[in-house]
Amino acid sequence: SKAYGLPRTGDLVGYDWNKATVSHVGF
């Protein structure tokens, strides 16, 4: 996103493992 720039420490990361929805979250 141009509004945020590079992800930063503390942002949430989500994985969908090639499925239709996010199934795992971390930092």
mmCIF file of all heavy atoms, coordinates in Angstrom:
data_MODEL
# 
_entry.id   MODEL 
# 
loop_
_atom_site.group_PDB 
_atom_site.id 
_atom_site.type_symbol 
_atom_site.label_atom_id 
_atom_site.label_alt_id 
_atom_site.label_comp_id 
_atom_site.label_asym_id 
_atom_site.label_entity_id 
_atom_site.label_seq_id 
_atom_site.pdbx_PDB_ins_code 
_atom_site.Cartn_x 
_atom_site.Cartn_y 
_atom_site.Cartn_z 
_atom_site.occupancy 
_atom_site.B_iso_or_equiv 
_atom_site.pdbx_formal_charge 
_atom_site.auth_seq_id 
_atom_site.auth_comp_id 
_atom_site.auth_asym_id 
_atom_site.auth_atom_id 
_atom_site.pdbx_PDB_model_num 
ATOM 1   N N   . SER A 1 1  ? 0.848   -1.182  0.000  1.00 0.00 ? 1  SER A N   1 
ATOM 2   C CA  . SER A 1 1  ? 0.000   0.000   0.000  1.00 0.00 ? 1  SER A CA  1 
ATOM 3   C C   . SER A 1 1  ? 0.890   1.240   0.000  1.00 0.00 ? 1  SER A C   1 
ATOM 4   O O   . SER A 1 1  ? 1.820   1.340   0.796  1.00 0.00 ? 1  SER A O   1 
ATOM 5   C CB  . SER A 1 1  ? -0.877  0.007   1.252  1.00 0.00 ? 1  SER A CB  1 
ATOM 6   O OG  . SER A 1 1  ? -1.444  1.269   1.438  1.00 0.00 ? 1  SER A OG  1 
ATOM 7   N N   . LYS A 1 2  ? 0.595   2.189   -0.864 1.00 0.00 ? 2  LYS A N   1 
ATOM 8   C CA  . LYS A 1 2  ? 1.363   3.440   -0.892 1.00 0.00 ? 2  LYS A CA  1 
ATOM 9   C C   . LYS A 1 2  ? 1.156   4.247   0.385  1.00 0.00 ? 2  LYS A C   1 
ATOM 10  O O   . LYS A 1 2  ? 2.017   5.000   0.799  1.00 0.00 ? 2  LYS A O   1 
ATOM 11  C CB  . LYS A 1 2  ? 0.975   4.262   -2.122 1.00 0.00 ? 2  LYS A CB  1 
ATOM 12  C CG  . LYS A 1 2  ? 1.451   3.624   -3.406 1.00 0.00 ? 2  LYS A CG  1 
ATOM 13  C CD  . LYS A 1 2  ? 1.033   4.429   -4.606 1.00 0.00 ? 2  LYS A CD  1 
ATOM 14  C CE  . LYS A 1 2  ? 1.465   3.695   -5.864 1.00 0.00 ? 2  LYS A CE  1 
ATOM 15  N NZ  . LYS A 1 2  ? 0.922   4.245   -7.060 1.00 0.00 ? 2  LYS A NZ  1 
ATOM 16  N N   . ALA A 1 3  ? 0.027   4.054   1.034  1.00 0.00 ? 3  ALA A N   1 
ATOM 17  C CA  . ALA A 1 3  ? -0.280  4.812   2.246  1.00 0.00 ? 3  ALA A CA  1 
ATOM 18  C C   . ALA A 1 3  ? 0.590   4.390   3.433  1.00 0.00 ? 3  ALA A C   1 
ATOM 19  O O   . ALA A 1 3  ? 0.869   5.196   4.306  1.00 0.00 ? 3  ALA A O   1 
ATOM 20  C CB  . ALA A 1 3  ? -1.756  4.636   2.608  1.00 0.00 ? 3  ALA A CB  1 
ATOM 21  N N   . TYR A 1 4  ? 1.036   3.151   3.469  1.00 0.00 ? 4  TYR A N   1 
ATOM 22  C CA  . TYR A 1 4  ? 1.774   2.651   4.623  1.00 0.00 ? 4  TYR A CA  1 
ATOM 23  C C   . TYR A 1 4  ? 3.260   2.418   4.384  1.00 0.00 ? 4  TYR A C   1 
ATOM 24  O O   . TYR A 1 4  ? 4.049   2.477   5.308  1.00 0.00 ? 4  TYR A O   1 
ATOM 25  C CB  . TYR A 1 4  ? 1.167   1.328   5.113  1.00 0.00 ? 4  TYR A CB  1 
ATOM 26  C CG  . TYR A 1 4  ? -0.193  1.488   5.722  1.00 0.00 ? 4  TYR A CG  1 
ATOM 27  C CD1 . TYR A 1 4  ? -1.320  1.008   5.084  1.00 0.00 ? 4  TYR A CD1 1 
ATOM 28  C CD2 . TYR A 1 4  ? -0.356  2.112   6.949  1.00 0.00 ? 4  TYR A CD2 1 
ATOM 29  C CE1 . TYR A 1 4  ? -2.573  1.146   5.637  1.00 0.00 ? 4  TYR A CE1 1 
ATOM 30  C CE2 . TYR A 1 4  ? -1.611  2.263   7.516  1.00 0.00 ? 4  TYR A CE2 1 
ATOM 31  C CZ  . TYR A 1 4  ? -2.712  1.776   6.849  1.00 0.00 ? 4  TYR A CZ  1 
ATOM 32  O OH  . TYR A 1 4  ? -3.941  1.916   7.404  1.00 0.00 ? 4  TYR A OH  1 
ATOM 33  N N   . GLY A 1 5  ? 3.656   2.090   3.189  1.00 0.00 ? 5  GLY A N   1 
ATOM 34  C CA  . GLY A 1 5  ? 5.058   1.766   2.933  1.00 0.00 ? 5  GLY A CA  1 
ATOM 35  C C   . GLY A 1 5  ? 5.385   0.353   3.390  1.00 0.00 ? 5  GLY A C   1 
ATOM 36  O O   . GLY A 1 5  ? 4.510   -0.490  3.508  1.00 0.00 ? 5  GLY A O   1 
ATOM 37  N N   . LEU A 1 6  ? 6.651   0.106   3.681  1.00 0.00 ? 6  LEU A N   1 
ATOM 38  C CA  . LEU A 1 6  ? 7.087   -1.226  4.090  1.00 0.00 ? 6  LEU A CA  1 
ATOM 39  C C   . LEU A 1 6  ? 6.434   -1.655  5.402  1.00 0.00 ? 6  LEU A C   1 
ATOM 40  O O   . LEU A 1 6  ? 6.240   -0.831  6.301  1.00 0.00 ? 6  LEU A O   1 
ATOM 41  C CB  . LEU A 1 6  ? 8.607   -1.259  4.286  1.00 0.00 ? 6  LEU A CB  1 
ATOM 42  C CG  . LEU A 1 6  ? 9.479   -1.241  3.052  1.00 0.00 ? 6  LEU A CG  1 
ATOM 43  C CD1 . LEU A 1 6  ? 10.958  -1.186  3.458  1.00 0.00 ? 6  LEU A CD1 1 
ATOM 44  C CD2 . LEU A 1 6  ? 9.222   -2.441  2.172  1.00 0.00 ? 6  LEU A CD2 1 
ATOM 45  N N   . PRO A 1 7  ? 6.107   -2.933  5.534  1.00 0.00 ? 7  PRO A N   1 
ATOM 46  C CA  . PRO A 1 7  ? 5.618   -3.428  6.821  1.00 0.00 ? 7  PRO A CA  1 
ATOM 47  C C   . PRO A 1 7  ? 6.640   -3.158  7.923  1.00 0.00 ? 7  PRO A C   1 
ATOM 48  O O   . PRO A 1 7  ? 7.847   -3.159  7.686  1.00 0.00 ? 7  PRO A O   1 
ATOM 49  C CB  . PRO A 1 7  ? 5.463   -4.929  6.566  1.00 0.00 ? 7  PRO A CB  1 
ATOM 50  C CG  . PRO A 1 7  ? 5.167   -5.018  5.099  1.00 0.00 ? 7  PRO A CG  1 
ATOM 51  C CD  . PRO A 1 7  ? 6.049   -3.956  4.492  1.00 0.00 ? 7  PRO A CD  1 
ATOM 52  N N   . ARG A 1 8  ? 6.123   -2.910  9.134  1.00 0.00 ? 8  ARG A N   1 
ATOM 53  C CA  . ARG A 1 8  ? 6.966   -2.544  10.271 1.00 0.00 ? 8  ARG A CA  1 
ATOM 54  C C   . ARG A 1 8  ? 6.812   -3.557  11.402 1.00 0.00 ? 8  ARG A C   1 
ATOM 55  O O   . ARG A 1 8  ? 5.815   -4.277  11.479 1.00 0.00 ? 8  ARG A O   1 
ATOM 56  C CB  . ARG A 1 8  ? 6.555   -1.166  10.794 1.00 0.00 ? 8  ARG A CB  1 
ATOM 57  C CG  . ARG A 1 8  ? 6.665   -0.060  9.770  1.00 0.00 ? 8  ARG A CG  1 
ATOM 58  C CD  . ARG A 1 8  ? 5.998   1.183   10.271 1.00 0.00 ? 8  ARG A CD  1 
ATOM 59  N NE  . ARG A 1 8  ? 4.581   0.869   10.516 1.00 0.00 ? 8  ARG A NE  1 
ATOM 60  C CZ  . ARG A 1 8  ? 3.726   1.683   11.090 1.00 0.00 ? 8  ARG A CZ  1 
ATOM 61  N NH1 . ARG A 1 8  ? 4.097   2.865   11.478 1.00 0.00 ? 8  ARG A NH1 1 
ATOM 62  N NH2 . ARG A 1 8  ? 2.484   1.335   11.280 1.00 0.00 ? 8  ARG A NH2 1 
ATOM 63  N N   . THR A 1 9  ? 7.761   -3.525  12.300 1.00 0.00 ? 9  THR A N   1 
ATOM 64  C CA  . THR A 1 9  ? 7.681   -4.349  13.501 1.00 0.00 ? 9  THR A CA  1 
ATOM 65  C C   . THR A 1 9  ? 6.356   -4.071  14.209 1.00 0.00 ? 9  THR A C   1 
ATOM 66  O O   . THR A 1 9  ? 5.990   -2.914  14.411 1.00 0.00 ? 9  THR A O   1 
ATOM 67  C CB  . THR A 1 9  ? 8.863   -4.025  14.442 1.00 0.00 ? 9  THR A CB  1 
ATOM 68  O OG1 . THR A 1 9  ? 10.075  -4.282  13.738 1.00 0.00 ? 9  THR A OG1 1 
ATOM 69  C CG2 . THR A 1 9  ? 8.800   -4.853  15.715 1.00 0.00 ? 9  THR A CG2 1 
ATOM 70  N N   . GLY A 1 10 ? 5.642   -5.125  14.542 1.00 0.00 ? 10 GLY A N   1 
ATOM 71  C CA  . GLY A 1 10 ? 4.361   -4.994  15.229 1.00 0.00 ? 10 GLY A CA  1 
ATOM 72  C C   . GLY A 1 10 ? 3.158   -5.085  14.314 1.00 0.00 ? 10 GLY A C   1 
ATOM 73  O O   . GLY A 1 10 ? 2.045   -5.306  14.790 1.00 0.00 ? 10 GLY A O   1 
ATOM 74  N N   . ASP A 1 11 ? 3.358   -4.917  13.003 1.00 0.00 ? 11 ASP A N   1 
ATOM 75  C CA  . ASP A 1 11 ? 2.245   -5.126  12.074 1.00 0.00 ? 11 ASP A CA  1 
ATOM 76  C C   . ASP A 1 11 ? 1.858   -6.604  12.097 1.00 0.00 ? 11 ASP A C   1 
ATOM 77  O O   . ASP A 1 11 ? 2.675   -7.476  12.411 1.00 0.00 ? 11 ASP A O   1 
ATOM 78  C CB  . ASP A 1 11 ? 2.632   -4.731  10.649 1.00 0.00 ? 11 ASP A CB  1 
ATOM 79  C CG  . ASP A 1 11 ? 2.750   -3.225  10.450 1.00 0.00 ? 11 ASP A CG  1 
ATOM 80  O OD1 . ASP A 1 11 ? 2.311   -2.453  11.321 1.00 0.00 ? 11 ASP A OD1 1 
ATOM 81  O OD2 . ASP A 1 11 ? 3.301   -2.822  9.408  1.00 0.00 ? 11 ASP A OD2 1 
ATOM 82  N N   . LEU A 1 12 ? 0.620   -6.882  11.745 1.00 0.00 ? 12 LEU A N   1 
ATOM 83  C CA  . LEU A 1 12 ? 0.142   -8.263  11.733 1.00 0.00 ? 12 LEU A CA  1 
ATOM 84  C C   . LEU A 1 12 ? 0.373   -8.892  10.373 1.00 0.00 ? 12 LEU A C   1 
ATOM 85  O O   . LEU A 1 12 ? 0.173   -8.260  9.341  1.00 0.00 ? 12 LEU A O   1 
ATOM 86  C CB  . LEU A 1 12 ? -1.340  -8.318  12.075 1.00 0.00 ? 12 LEU A CB  1 
ATOM 87  C CG  . LEU A 1 12 ? -1.724  -7.728  13.420 1.00 0.00 ? 12 LEU A CG  1 
ATOM 88  C CD1 . LEU A 1 12 ? -3.192  -7.975  13.703 1.00 0.00 ? 12 LEU A CD1 1 
ATOM 89  C CD2 . LEU A 1 12 ? -0.869  -8.298  14.533 1.00 0.00 ? 12 LEU A CD2 1 
ATOM 90  N N   . VAL A 1 13 ? 0.793   -10.129 10.383 1.00 0.00 ? 13 VAL A N   1 
ATOM 91  C CA  . VAL A 1 13 ? 1.042   -10.882 9.160  1.00 0.00 ? 13 VAL A CA  1 
ATOM 92  C C   . VAL A 1 13 ? 0.033   -12.028 9.093  1.00 0.00 ? 13 VAL A C   1 
ATOM 93  O O   . VAL A 1 13 ? -0.222  -12.700 10.093 1.00 0.00 ? 13 VAL A O   1 
ATOM 94  C CB  . VAL A 1 13 ? 2.508   -11.402 9.105  1.00 0.00 ? 13 VAL A CB  1 
ATOM 95  C CG1 . VAL A 1 13 ? 2.829   -12.296 10.278 1.00 0.00 ? 13 VAL A CG1 1 
ATOM 96  C CG2 . VAL A 1 13 ? 2.807   -12.105 7.808  1.00 0.00 ? 13 VAL A CG2 1 
ATOM 97  N N   . GLY A 1 14 ? -0.582  -12.195 7.933  1.00 0.00 ? 14 GLY A N   1 
ATOM 98  C CA  . GLY A 1 14 ? -1.574  -13.256 7.753  1.00 0.00 ? 14 GLY A CA  1 
ATOM 99  C C   . GLY A 1 14 ? -1.220  -14.161 6.594  1.00 0.00 ? 14 GLY A C   1 
ATOM 100 O O   . GLY A 1 14 ? -0.718  -13.706 5.564  1.00 0.00 ? 14 GLY A O   1 
ATOM 101 N N   . TYR A 1 15 ? -1.481  -15.429 6.783  1.00 0.00 ? 15 TYR A N   1 
ATOM 102 C CA  . TYR A 1 15 ? -1.199  -16.444 5.765  1.00 0.00 ? 15 TYR A CA  1 
ATOM 103 C C   . TYR A 1 15 ? -2.503  -17.123 5.373  1.00 0.00 ? 15 TYR A C   1 
ATOM 104 O O   . TYR A 1 15 ? -3.311  -17.478 6.235  1.00 0.00 ? 15 TYR A O   1 
ATOM 105 C CB  . TYR A 1 15 ? -0.251  -17.513 6.307  1.00 0.00 ? 15 TYR A CB  1 
ATOM 106 C CG  . TYR A 1 15 ? 1.009   -16.951 6.901  1.00 0.00 ? 15 TYR A CG  1 
ATOM 107 C CD1 . TYR A 1 15 ? 1.097   -16.682 8.260  1.00 0.00 ? 15 TYR A CD1 1 
ATOM 108 C CD2 . TYR A 1 15 ? 2.110   -16.683 6.105  1.00 0.00 ? 15 TYR A CD2 1 
ATOM 109 C CE1 . TYR A 1 15 ? 2.252   -16.160 8.814  1.00 0.00 ? 15 TYR A CE1 1 
ATOM 110 C CE2 . TYR A 1 15 ? 3.270   -16.159 6.644  1.00 0.00 ? 15 TYR A CE2 1 
ATOM 111 C CZ  . TYR A 1 15 ? 3.332   -15.901 8.008  1.00 0.00 ? 15 TYR A CZ  1 
ATOM 112 O OH  . TYR A 1 15 ? 4.477   -15.385 8.551  1.00 0.00 ? 15 TYR A OH  1 
ATOM 113 N N   . ASP A 1 16 ? -2.680  -17.335 4.078  1.00 0.00 ? 16 ASP A N   1 
ATOM 114 C CA  . ASP A 1 16 ? -3.868  -18.075 3.638  1.00 0.00 ? 16 ASP A CA  1 
ATOM 115 C C   . ASP A 1 16 ? -3.502  -19.467 3.119  1.00 0.00 ? 16 ASP A C   1 
ATOM 116 O O   . ASP A 1 16 ? -4.364  -20.264 2.823  1.00 0.00 ? 16 ASP A O   1 
ATOM 117 C CB  . ASP A 1 16 ? -4.667  -17.295 2.597  1.00 0.00 ? 16 ASP A CB  1 
ATOM 118 C CG  . ASP A 1 16 ? -3.893  -16.981 1.329  1.00 0.00 ? 16 ASP A CG  1 
ATOM 119 O OD1 . ASP A 1 16 ? -2.808  -17.555 1.091  1.00 0.00 ? 16 ASP A OD1 1 
ATOM 120 O OD2 . ASP A 1 16 ? -4.387  -16.146 0.550  1.00 0.00 ? 16 ASP A OD2 1 
ATOM 121 N N   . TRP A 1 17 ? -2.202  -19.753 3.039  1.00 0.00 ? 17 TRP A N   1 
ATOM 122 C CA  . TRP A 1 17 ? -1.699  -21.055 2.584  1.00 0.00 ? 17 TRP A CA  1 
ATOM 123 C C   . TRP A 1 17 ? -2.432  -21.521 1.320  1.00 0.00 ? 17 TRP A C   1 
ATOM 124 O O   . TRP A 1 17 ? -2.845  -22.658 1.194  1.00 0.00 ? 17 TRP A O   1 
ATOM 125 C CB  . TRP A 1 17 ? -1.792  -22.112 3.690  1.00 0.00 ? 17 TRP A CB  1 
ATOM 126 C CG  . TRP A 1 17 ? -1.203  -21.695 4.990  1.00 0.00 ? 17 TRP A CG  1 
ATOM 127 C CD1 . TRP A 1 17 ? -1.846  -21.647 6.184  1.00 0.00 ? 17 TRP A CD1 1 
ATOM 128 C CD2 . TRP A 1 17 ? 0.147   -21.251 5.265  1.00 0.00 ? 17 TRP A CD2 1 
ATOM 129 N NE1 . TRP A 1 17 ? -0.991  -21.201 7.173  1.00 0.00 ? 17 TRP A NE1 1 
ATOM 130 C CE2 . TRP A 1 17 ? 0.235   -20.954 6.637  1.00 0.00 ? 17 TRP A CE2 1 
ATOM 131 C CE3 . TRP A 1 17 ? 1.275   -21.074 4.480  1.00 0.00 ? 17 TRP A CE3 1 
ATOM 132 C CZ2 . TRP A 1 17 ? 1.402   -20.503 7.239  1.00 0.00 ? 17 TRP A CZ2 1 
ATOM 133 C CZ3 . TRP A 1 17 ? 2.442   -20.609 5.091  1.00 0.00 ? 17 TRP A CZ3 1 
ATOM 134 C CH2 . TRP A 1 17 ? 2.493   -20.338 6.443  1.00 0.00 ? 17 TRP A CH2 1 
ATOM 135 N N   . ASN A 1 18 ? -2.645  -20.573 0.390  1.00 0.00 ? 18 ASN A N   1 
ATOM 136 C CA  . ASN A 1 18 ? -3.299  -20.827 -0.897 1.00 0.00 ? 18 ASN A CA  1 
ATOM 137 C C   . ASN A 1 18 ? -4.754  -21.277 -0.767 1.00 0.00 ? 18 ASN A C   1 
ATOM 138 O O   . ASN A 1 18 ? -5.274  -21.984 -1.609 1.00 0.00 ? 18 ASN A O   1 
ATOM 139 C CB  . ASN A 1 18 ? -2.494  -21.826 -1.735 1.00 0.00 ? 18 ASN A CB  1 
ATOM 140 C CG  . ASN A 1 18 ? -1.133  -21.288 -2.078 1.00 0.00 ? 18 ASN A CG  1 
ATOM 141 O OD1 . ASN A 1 18 ? -0.987  -20.139 -2.470 1.00 0.00 ? 18 ASN A OD1 1 
ATOM 142 N ND2 . ASN A 1 18 ? -0.112  -22.111 -1.897 1.00 0.00 ? 18 ASN A ND2 1 
ATOM 143 N N   . LYS A 1 19 ? -5.399  -20.854 0.291  1.00 0.00 ? 19 LYS A N   1 
ATOM 144 C CA  . LYS A 1 19 ? -6.823  -21.132 0.492  1.00 0.00 ? 19 LYS A CA  1 
ATOM 145 C C   . LYS A 1 19 ? -7.592  -19.835 0.275  1.00 0.00 ? 19 LYS A C   1 
ATOM 146 O O   . LYS A 1 19 ? -7.032  -18.795 -0.005 1.00 0.00 ? 19 LYS A O   1 
ATOM 147 C CB  . LYS A 1 19 ? -7.068  -21.658 1.905  1.00 0.00 ? 19 LYS A CB  1 
ATOM 148 C CG  . LYS A 1 19 ? -6.229  -22.845 2.290  1.00 0.00 ? 19 LYS A CG  1 
ATOM 149 C CD  . LYS A 1 19 ? -6.951  -24.124 2.009  1.00 0.00 ? 19 LYS A CD  1 
ATOM 150 C CE  . LYS A 1 19 ? -6.258  -25.279 2.681  1.00 0.00 ? 19 LYS A CE  1 
ATOM 151 N NZ  . LYS A 1 19 ? -5.553  -26.184 1.924  1.00 0.00 ? 19 LYS A NZ  1 
ATOM 152 N N   . ALA A 1 20 ? -8.893  -19.878 0.475  1.00 0.00 ? 20 ALA A N   1 
ATOM 153 C CA  . ALA A 1 20 ? -9.744  -18.716 0.217  1.00 0.00 ? 20 ALA A CA  1 
ATOM 154 C C   . ALA A 1 20 ? -9.676  -17.653 1.306  1.00 0.00 ? 20 ALA A C   1 
ATOM 155 O O   . ALA A 1 20 ? -10.083 -16.523 1.080  1.00 0.00 ? 20 ALA A O   1 
ATOM 156 C CB  . ALA A 1 20 ? -11.190 -19.174 0.033  1.00 0.00 ? 20 ALA A CB  1 
ATOM 157 N N   . THR A 1 21 ? -9.184  -17.991 2.489  1.00 0.00 ? 21 THR A N   1 
ATOM 158 C CA  . THR A 1 21 ? -9.199  -17.043 3.593  1.00 0.00 ? 21 THR A CA  1 
ATOM 159 C C   . THR A 1 21 ? -7.950  -17.205 4.471  1.00 0.00 ? 21 THR A C   1 
ATOM 160 O O   . THR A 1 21 ? -7.307  -18.247 4.452  1.00 0.00 ? 21 THR A O   1 
ATOM 161 C CB  . THR A 1 21 ? -10.479 -17.214 4.448  1.00 0.00 ? 21 THR A CB  1 
ATOM 162 O OG1 . THR A 1 21 ? -10.568 -16.142 5.374  1.00 0.00 ? 21 THR A OG1 1 
ATOM 163 C CG2 . THR A 1 21 ? -10.499 -18.539 5.169  1.00 0.00 ? 21 THR A CG2 1 
ATOM 164 N N   . VAL A 1 22 ? -7.638  -16.176 5.230  1.00 0.00 ? 22 VAL A N   1 
ATOM 165 C CA  . VAL A 1 22 ? -6.493  -16.215 6.142  1.00 0.00 ? 22 VAL A CA  1 
ATOM 166 C C   . VAL A 1 22 ? -6.771  -17.238 7.247  1.00 0.00 ? 22 VAL A C   1 
ATOM 167 O O   . VAL A 1 22 ? -7.833  -17.233 7.862  1.00 0.00 ? 22 VAL A O   1 
ATOM 168 C CB  . VAL A 1 22 ? -6.243  -14.822 6.766  1.00 0.00 ? 22 VAL A CB  1 
ATOM 169 C CG1 . VAL A 1 22 ? -5.187  -14.895 7.855  1.00 0.00 ? 22 VAL A CG1 1 
ATOM 170 C CG2 . VAL A 1 22 ? -5.834  -13.829 5.694  1.00 0.00 ? 22 VAL A CG2 1 
ATOM 171 N N   . SER A 1 23 ? -5.795  -18.106 7.495  1.00 0.00 ? 23 SER A N   1 
ATOM 172 C CA  . SER A 1 23 ? -5.967  -19.137 8.520  1.00 0.00 ? 23 SER A CA  1 
ATOM 173 C C   . SER A 1 23 ? -4.882  -19.109 9.598  1.00 0.00 ? 23 SER A C   1 
ATOM 174 O O   . SER A 1 23 ? -4.900  -19.933 10.507 1.00 0.00 ? 23 SER A O   1 
ATOM 175 C CB  . SER A 1 23 ? -6.011  -20.521 7.866  1.00 0.00 ? 23 SER A CB  1 
ATOM 176 O OG  . SER A 1 23 ? -4.821  -20.755 7.153  1.00 0.00 ? 23 SER A OG  1 
ATOM 177 N N   . HIS A 1 24 ? -3.936  -18.162 9.504  1.00 0.00 ? 24 HIS A N   1 
ATOM 178 C CA  . HIS A 1 24 ? -2.889  -18.051 10.527 1.00 0.00 ? 24 HIS A CA  1 
ATOM 179 C C   . HIS A 1 24 ? -2.439  -16.600 10.601 1.00 0.00 ? 24 HIS A C   1 
ATOM 180 O O   . HIS A 1 24 ? -2.326  -15.921 9.578  1.00 0.00 ? 24 HIS A O   1 
ATOM 181 C CB  . HIS A 1 24 ? -1.709  -18.962 10.173 1.00 0.00 ? 24 HIS A CB  1 
ATOM 182 C CG  . HIS A 1 24 ? -0.647  -19.013 11.222 1.00 0.00 ? 24 HIS A CG  1 
ATOM 183 N ND1 . HIS A 1 24 ? -0.861  -19.527 12.483 1.00 0.00 ? 24 HIS A ND1 1 
ATOM 184 C CD2 . HIS A 1 24 ? 0.643   -18.612 11.201 1.00 0.00 ? 24 HIS A CD2 1 
ATOM 185 C CE1 . HIS A 1 24 ? 0.257   -19.444 13.183 1.00 0.00 ? 24 HIS A CE1 1 
ATOM 186 N NE2 . HIS A 1 24 ? 1.182   -18.882 12.434 1.00 0.00 ? 24 HIS A NE2 1 
ATOM 187 N N   . VAL A 1 25 ? -2.184  -16.119 11.827 1.00 0.00 ? 25 VAL A N   1 
ATOM 188 C CA  . VAL A 1 25 ? -1.798  -14.726 12.043 1.00 0.00 ? 25 VAL A CA  1 
ATOM 189 C C   . VAL A 1 25 ? -0.649  -14.659 13.037 1.00 0.00 ? 25 VAL A C   1 
ATOM 190 O O   . VAL A 1 25 ? -0.535  -15.504 13.930 1.00 0.00 ? 25 VAL A O   1 
ATOM 191 C CB  . VAL A 1 25 ? -3.007  -13.884 12.536 1.00 0.00 ? 25 VAL A CB  1 
ATOM 192 C CG1 . VAL A 1 25 ? -3.528  -14.376 13.877 1.00 0.00 ? 25 VAL A CG1 1 
ATOM 193 C CG2 . VAL A 1 25 ? -2.680  -12.406 12.580 1.00 0.00 ? 25 VAL A CG2 1 
ATOM 194 N N   . GLY A 1 26 ? 0.201   -13.675 12.862 1.00 0.00 ? 26 GLY A N   1 
ATOM 195 C CA  . GLY A 1 26 ? 1.311   -13.417 13.774 1.00 0.00 ? 26 GLY A CA  1 
ATOM 196 C C   . GLY A 1 26 ? 1.728   -11.962 13.644 1.00 0.00 ? 26 GLY A C   1 
ATOM 197 O O   . GLY A 1 26 ? 0.987   -11.130 13.108 1.00 0.00 ? 26 GLY A O   1 
ATOM 198 N N   . PHE A 1 27 ? 2.931   -11.661 14.112 1.00 0.00 ? 27 PHE A N   1 
ATOM 199 C CA  . PHE A 1 27 ? 3.467   -10.305 14.067 1.00 0.00 ? 27 PHE A CA  1 
ATOM 200 C C   . PHE A 1 27 ? 4.696   -10.237 13.168 1.00 0.00 ? 27 PHE A C   1 
ATOM 201 O O   . PHE A 1 27 ? 5.499   -11.163 13.152 1.00 0.00 ? 27 PHE A O   1 
ATOM 202 C CB  . PHE A 1 27 ? 3.916   -9.848  15.465 1.00 0.00 ? 27 PHE A CB  1 
ATOM 203 C CG  . PHE A 1 27 ? 2.804   -9.646  16.432 1.00 0.00 ? 27 PHE A CG  1 
ATOM 204 C CD1 . PHE A 1 27 ? 2.490   -10.633 17.350 1.00 0.00 ? 27 PHE A CD1 1 
ATOM 205 C CD2 . PHE A 1 27 ? 2.085   -8.469  16.438 1.00 0.00 ? 27 PHE A CD2 1 
ATOM 206 C CE1 . PHE A 1 27 ? 1.469   -10.438 18.261 1.00 0.00 ? 27 PHE A CE1 1 
ATOM 207 C CE2 . PHE A 1 27 ? 1.059   -8.271  17.350 1.00 0.00 ? 27 PHE A CE2 1 
ATOM 208 C CZ  . PHE A 1 27 ? 0.747   -9.261  18.257 1.00 0.00 ? 27 PHE A CZ  1 
# 
